[in-house]
Amino acid sequence: MRNPRQRRGFSLIELLIVIAIILIIITMAVPKFRSATMHARETAALVAIKTIHSAETQYQSQYNRYATSLAELGPPSSGSPSPAAADLIGSDLSQGVNKGYRFTLTGVPGGYQVNANPINFGTDGSMCFFSDQSMVVRVNYGPEPATASSREYGAAADASGGGAAGSATPAPAPAK
């Protein structure tokens, strides 16, 4: 026979212990998730810069000059592609914001300059990028935008701990 006072289920203490364990696991996982998300956004910014370089090369080939704004590389609002909107990049990138980064394209004599800066530094990304028609990507590890004189991304200093480990752009091979 069963004892009528015999309990079924879990006690309050047992449930609180399980909840405490779950909270501990969450507090350990969230920083790693944020770090992985930020690294993914930085990698996406590098891919977008390479996309802009490819579009600029094609634009220069078609129209004998470099585009001076992202809108010139983007899709036309109506009609067929033209120098004002060549339809070489997606509408999201042509508006200047993509995956946590703000992109700017500036025309300069004989070329162009691309900047990619995190919208919220430290949350969306921890690196600011710069590139130009040379297609060399430069990086600044602070909130200030990178410039032509910033460190080259993927340089030897990045491999020694100054940059993102496992970055999308490998360090250049040493000269022989």
C-alpha atoms as a PDB file:
ATOM      1  CA  MET A   1       0.000   0.000   0.000  1.00  0.00           C
ATOM      2  CA  ARG A   2       1.127   3.523  -0.702  1.00  0.00           C
ATOM      3  CA  ASN A   3       1.744   6.025   1.998  1.00  0.00           C
ATOM      4  CA  PRO A   4      -0.633   8.963   1.400  1.00  0.00           C
ATOM      5  CA  ARG A   5       2.108  11.364   2.476  1.00  0.00           C
ATOM      6  CA  GLN A   6       4.526   9.992  -0.136  1.00  0.00           C
ATOM      7  CA  ARG A   7       5.350  12.850  -2.443  1.00  0.00           C
ATOM      8  CA  ARG A   8       5.511  12.872  -6.208  1.00  0.00           C
ATOM      9  CA  GLY A   9       7.598  15.292  -8.266  1.00  0.00           C
ATOM     10  CA  PHE A  10      10.436  17.610  -7.284  1.00  0.00           C
ATOM     11  CA  SER A  11      10.893  19.718  -4.196  1.00  0.00           C
ATOM     12  CA  LEU A  12      11.394  23.464  -4.364  1.00  0.00           C
ATOM     13  CA  ILE A  13      15.061  23.079  -3.392  1.00  0.00           C
ATOM     14  CA  GLU A  14      15.700  20.634  -6.231  1.00  0.00           C
ATOM     15  CA  LEU A  15      14.104  23.009  -8.750  1.00  0.00           C
ATOM     16  CA  LEU A  16      16.130  25.963  -7.460  1.00  0.00           C
ATOM     17  CA  ILE A  17      19.366  23.963  -7.815  1.00  0.00           C
ATOM     18  CA  VAL A  18      18.515  23.091 -11.421  1.00  0.00           C
ATOM     19  CA  ILE A  19      17.709  26.731 -12.200  1.00  0.00           C
ATOM     20  CA  ALA A  20      20.985  27.853 -10.589  1.00  0.00           C
ATOM     21  CA  ILE A  21      22.954  25.389 -12.738  1.00  0.00           C
ATOM     22  CA  ILE A  22      21.218  26.617 -15.887  1.00  0.00           C
ATOM     23  CA  LEU A  23      21.992  30.249 -15.002  1.00  0.00           C
ATOM     24  CA  ILE A  24      25.667  29.423 -14.431  1.00  0.00           C
ATOM     25  CA  ILE A  25      25.868  27.760 -17.849  1.00  0.00           C
ATOM     26  CA  ILE A  26      24.190  30.759 -19.488  1.00  0.00           C
ATOM     27  CA  THR A  27      26.568  33.256 -17.853  1.00  0.00           C
ATOM     28  CA  MET A  28      29.511  31.256 -19.182  1.00  0.00           C
ATOM     29  CA  ALA A  29      28.082  30.926 -22.714  1.00  0.00           C
ATOM     30  CA  VAL A  30      26.856  34.488 -23.380  1.00  0.00           C
ATOM     31  CA  PRO A  31      30.312  36.178 -23.550  1.00  0.00           C
ATOM     32  CA  LYS A  32      31.552  33.512 -25.958  1.00  0.00           C
ATOM     33  CA  PHE A  33      28.456  33.981 -28.105  1.00  0.00           C
ATOM     34  CA  ARG A  34      28.944  37.763 -28.164  1.00  0.00           C
ATOM     35  CA  SER A  35      32.594  37.351 -29.091  1.00  0.00           C
ATOM     36  CA  ALA A  36      31.721  34.926 -31.891  1.00  0.00           C
ATOM     37  CA  THR A  37      29.014  37.272 -33.180  1.00  0.00           C
ATOM     38  CA  MET A  38      31.410  40.233 -33.183  1.00  0.00           C
ATOM     39  CA  HIS A  39      34.055  38.200 -35.031  1.00  0.00           C
ATOM     40  CA  ALA A  40      31.436  37.140 -37.600  1.00  0.00           C
ATOM     41  CA  ARG A  41      30.493  40.797 -38.189  1.00  0.00           C
ATOM     42  CA  GLU A  42      34.152  41.750 -38.633  1.00  0.00           C
ATOM     43  CA  THR A  43      34.596  38.939 -41.145  1.00  0.00           C
ATOM     44  CA  ALA A  44      31.438  40.046 -42.969  1.00  0.00           C
ATOM     45  CA  ALA A  45      32.865  43.585 -43.147  1.00  0.00           C
ATOM     46  CA  LEU A  46      36.034  42.257 -44.784  1.00  0.00           C
ATOM     47  CA  VAL A  47      33.956  40.298 -47.294  1.00  0.00           C
ATOM     48  CA  ALA A  48      31.911  43.431 -48.045  1.00  0.00           C
ATOM     49  CA  ILE A  49      35.112  45.423 -48.659  1.00  0.00           C
ATOM     50  CA  LYS A  50      36.267  42.767 -51.130  1.00  0.00           C
ATOM     51  CA  THR A  51      32.833  42.940 -52.787  1.00  0.00           C
ATOM     52  CA  ILE A  52      33.210  46.706 -53.132  1.00  0.00           C
ATOM     53  CA  HIS A  53      36.675  46.234 -54.663  1.00  0.00           C
ATOM     54  CA  SER A  54      35.296  43.790 -57.231  1.00  0.00           C
ATOM     55  CA  ALA A  55      32.406  46.133 -58.026  1.00  0.00           C
ATOM     56  CA  GLU A  56      34.785  49.101 -58.388  1.00  0.00           C
ATOM     57  CA  THR A  57      36.973  47.112 -60.788  1.00  0.00           C
ATOM     58  CA  GLN A  58      33.966  46.203 -62.905  1.00  0.00           C
ATOM     59  CA  TYR A  59      32.594  49.770 -62.708  1.00  0.00           C
ATOM     60  CA  GLN A  60      35.945  51.203 -63.841  1.00  0.00           C
ATOM     61  CA  SER A  61      36.022  48.730 -66.727  1.00  0.00           C
ATOM     62  CA  GLN A  62      32.497  49.653 -67.861  1.00  0.00           C
ATOM     63  CA  TYR A  63      32.498  53.429 -67.294  1.00  0.00           C
ATOM     64  CA  ASN A  64      36.233  54.334 -67.439  1.00  0.00           C
ATOM     65  CA  ARG A  65      36.246  55.807 -63.934  1.00  0.00           C
ATOM     66  CA  TYR A  66      35.808  54.668 -60.358  1.00  0.00           C
ATOM     67  CA  ALA A  67      32.494  55.116 -58.590  1.00  0.00           C
ATOM     68  CA  THR A  68      32.503  57.916 -56.026  1.00  0.00           C
ATOM     69  CA  SER A  69      29.688  56.592 -53.840  1.00  0.00           C
ATOM     70  CA  LEU A  70      28.109  53.310 -52.859  1.00  0.00           C
ATOM     71  CA  ALA A  71      24.879  54.432 -54.548  1.00  0.00           C
ATOM     72  CA  GLU A  72      26.696  54.432 -57.912  1.00  0.00           C
ATOM     73  CA  LEU A  73      27.560  50.775 -57.368  1.00  0.00           C
ATOM     74  CA  GLY A  74      24.088  49.855 -56.139  1.00  0.00           C
ATOM     75  CA  PRO A  75      20.922  48.914 -57.986  1.00  0.00           C
ATOM     76  CA  PRO A  76      18.895  51.545 -59.840  1.00  0.00           C
ATOM     77  CA  SER A  77      15.575  52.590 -58.335  1.00  0.00           C
ATOM     78  CA  SER A  78      14.019  51.966 -61.744  1.00  0.00           C
ATOM     79  CA  GLY A  79      15.210  51.218 -65.237  1.00  0.00           C
ATOM     80  CA  SER A  80      18.429  49.636 -66.365  1.00  0.00           C
ATOM     81  CA  PRO A  81      21.908  49.995 -64.846  1.00  0.00           C
ATOM     82  CA  SER A  82      23.776  53.223 -65.577  1.00  0.00           C
ATOM     83  CA  PRO A  83      26.777  55.128 -64.183  1.00  0.00           C
ATOM     84  CA  ALA A  84      24.459  56.574 -61.495  1.00  0.00           C
ATOM     85  CA  ALA A  85      23.408  53.074 -60.336  1.00  0.00           C
ATOM     86  CA  ALA A  86      25.375  50.230 -61.911  1.00  0.00           C
ATOM     87  CA  ASP A  87      23.681  47.339 -60.027  1.00  0.00           C
ATOM     88  CA  LEU A  88      27.006  45.777 -58.988  1.00  0.00           C
ATOM     89  CA  ILE A  89      26.311  45.445 -55.248  1.00  0.00           C
ATOM     90  CA  GLY A  90      23.191  44.743 -53.219  1.00  0.00           C
ATOM     91  CA  SER A  91      20.844  47.447 -52.010  1.00  0.00           C
ATOM     92  CA  ASP A  92      21.760  46.839 -48.347  1.00  0.00           C
ATOM     93  CA  LEU A  93      25.457  47.541 -48.945  1.00  0.00           C
ATOM     94  CA  SER A  94      24.726  50.425 -51.318  1.00  0.00           C
ATOM     95  CA  GLN A  95      22.855  52.156 -48.468  1.00  0.00           C
ATOM     96  CA  GLY A  96      26.038  52.064 -46.394  1.00  0.00           C
ATOM     97  CA  VAL A  97      25.003  49.779 -43.512  1.00  0.00           C
ATOM     98  CA  ASN A  98      25.580  46.051 -43.496  1.00  0.00           C
ATOM     99  CA  LYS A  99      25.730  43.567 -40.600  1.00  0.00           C
ATOM    100  CA  GLY A 100      26.712  45.994 -37.850  1.00  0.00           C
ATOM    101  CA  TYR A 101      29.148  48.079 -39.890  1.00  0.00           C
ATOM    102  CA  ARG A 102      28.770  51.452 -41.589  1.00  0.00           C
ATOM    103  CA  PHE A 103      30.490  51.699 -44.976  1.00  0.00           C
ATOM    104  CA  THR A 104      31.559  54.839 -46.790  1.00  0.00           C
ATOM    105  CA  LEU A 105      32.994  55.103 -50.290  1.00  0.00           C
ATOM    106  CA  THR A 106      34.768  58.292 -51.290  1.00  0.00           C
ATOM    107  CA  GLY A 107      36.113  59.169 -54.708  1.00  0.00           C
ATOM    108  CA  VAL A 108      39.636  60.564 -54.787  1.00  0.00           C
ATOM    109  CA  PRO A 109      41.729  61.622 -57.791  1.00  0.00           C
ATOM    110  CA  GLY A 110      42.664  58.421 -59.607  1.00  0.00           C
ATOM    111  CA  GLY A 111      40.840  56.075 -57.250  1.00  0.00           C
ATOM    112  CA  TYR A 112      38.586  55.586 -54.267  1.00  0.00           C
ATOM    113  CA  GLN A 113      38.666  54.970 -50.527  1.00  0.00           C
ATOM    114  CA  VAL A 114      36.486  52.599 -48.500  1.00  0.00           C
ATOM    115  CA  ASN A 115      35.939  52.832 -44.750  1.00  0.00           C
ATOM    116  CA  ALA A 116      34.084  50.288 -42.635  1.00  0.00           C
ATOM    117  CA  ASN A 117      33.441  51.211 -39.011  1.00  0.00           C
ATOM    118  CA  PRO A 118      31.333  49.347 -36.451  1.00  0.00           C
ATOM    119  CA  ILE A 119      28.043  51.069 -35.701  1.00  0.00           C
ATOM    120  CA  ASN A 120      28.542  50.362 -31.982  1.00  0.00           C
ATOM    121  CA  PHE A 121      32.251  49.948 -31.294  1.00  0.00           C
ATOM    122  CA  GLY A 122      32.885  47.066 -28.889  1.00  0.00           C
ATOM    123  CA  THR A 123      29.490  45.491 -29.546  1.00  0.00           C
ATOM    124  CA  ASP A 124      29.239  45.214 -33.330  1.00  0.00           C
ATOM    125  CA  GLY A 125      32.995  45.092 -33.892  1.00  0.00           C
ATOM    126  CA  SER A 126      36.361  45.966 -32.394  1.00  0.00           C
ATOM    127  CA  MET A 127      38.157  46.877 -35.622  1.00  0.00           C
ATOM    128  CA  CYS A 128      37.792  49.724 -38.117  1.00  0.00           C
ATOM    129  CA  PHE A 129      38.852  49.027 -41.707  1.00  0.00           C
ATOM    130  CA  PHE A 130      40.200  51.159 -44.568  1.00  0.00           C
ATOM    131  CA  SER A 131      41.046  50.240 -48.125  1.00  0.00           C
ATOM    132  CA  ASP A 132      41.561  51.940 -51.464  1.00  0.00           C
ATOM    133  CA  GLN A 133      42.124  51.019 -55.107  1.00  0.00           C
ATOM    134  CA  SER A 134      45.360  49.236 -54.081  1.00  0.00           C
ATOM    135  CA  MET A 135      43.024  46.638 -52.460  1.00  0.00           C
ATOM    136  CA  VAL A 136      45.201  46.513 -49.335  1.00  0.00           C
ATOM    137  CA  VAL A 137      42.994  46.413 -46.247  1.00  0.00           C
ATOM    138  CA  ARG A 138      44.191  48.439 -43.282  1.00  0.00           C
ATOM    139  CA  VAL A 139      42.916  48.176 -39.720  1.00  0.00           C
ATOM    140  CA  ASN A 140      42.672  50.234 -36.561  1.00  0.00           C
ATOM    141  CA  TYR A 141      41.979  48.371 -33.310  1.00  0.00           C
ATOM    142  CA  GLY A 142      40.411  51.416 -31.655  1.00  0.00           C
ATOM    143  CA  PRO A 143      37.208  53.366 -32.252  1.00  0.00           C
ATOM    144  CA  GLU A 144      38.928  55.866 -34.588  1.00  0.00           C
ATOM    145  CA  PRO A 145      38.477  55.112 -38.309  1.00  0.00           C
ATOM    146  CA  ALA A 146      41.396  53.403 -40.037  1.00  0.00           C
ATOM    147  CA  THR A 147      43.352  55.433 -42.580  1.00  0.00           C
ATOM    148  CA  ALA A 148      45.906  54.882 -45.338  1.00  0.00           C
ATOM    149  CA  SER A 149      48.646  55.014 -42.675  1.00  0.00           C
ATOM    150  CA  SER A 150      47.030  52.382 -40.405  1.00  0.00           C
ATOM    151  CA  ARG A 151      48.521  48.929 -39.970  1.00  0.00           C
ATOM    152  CA  GLU A 152      47.951  46.481 -42.818  1.00  0.00           C
ATOM    153  CA  TYR A 153      45.381  43.843 -41.864  1.00  0.00           C
ATOM    154  CA  GLY A 154      46.904  40.385 -41.672  1.00  0.00           C
ATOM    155  CA  ALA A 155      50.441  41.730 -41.142  1.00  0.00           C
ATOM    156  CA  ALA A 156      52.895  39.865 -38.915  1.00  0.00           C
ATOM    157  CA  ALA A 157      51.881  41.929 -35.851  1.00  0.00           C
ATOM    158  CA  ASP A 158      48.328  40.557 -36.182  1.00  0.00           C
ATOM    159  CA  ALA A 159      49.595  36.978 -36.038  1.00  0.00           C
ATOM    160  CA  SER A 160      51.412  37.690 -32.759  1.00  0.00           C
ATOM    161  CA  GLY A 161      48.232  38.604 -30.931  1.00  0.00           C
ATOM    162  CA  GLY A 162      47.474  42.128 -32.106  1.00  0.00           C
ATOM    163  CA  GLY A 163      44.559  41.074 -34.289  1.00  0.00           C
ATOM    164  CA  ALA A 164      41.787  38.570 -34.630  1.00  0.00           C
ATOM    165  CA  ALA A 165      42.928  34.988 -34.475  1.00  0.00           C
ATOM    166  CA  GLY A 166      41.723  32.854 -37.348  1.00  0.00           C
ATOM    167  CA  SER A 167      40.924  35.932 -39.407  1.00  0.00           C
ATOM    168  CA  ALA A 168      39.349  35.713 -42.833  1.00  0.00           C
ATOM    169  CA  THR A 169      42.393  37.332 -44.458  1.00  0.00           C
ATOM    170  CA  PRO A 170      45.574  35.329 -43.907  1.00  0.00           C
ATOM    171  CA  ALA A 171      48.875  37.029 -43.262  1.00  0.00           C
ATOM    172  CA  PRO A 172      50.857  37.591 -46.478  1.00  0.00           C
ATOM    173  CA  ALA A 173      53.599  35.130 -47.276  1.00  0.00           C
ATOM    174  CA  PRO A 174      57.135  36.325 -46.442  1.00  0.00           C
ATOM    175  CA  ALA A 175      59.143  37.688 -49.369  1.00  0.00           C
ATOM    176  CA  LYS A 176      61.888  35.414 -50.654  1.00  0.00           C
END
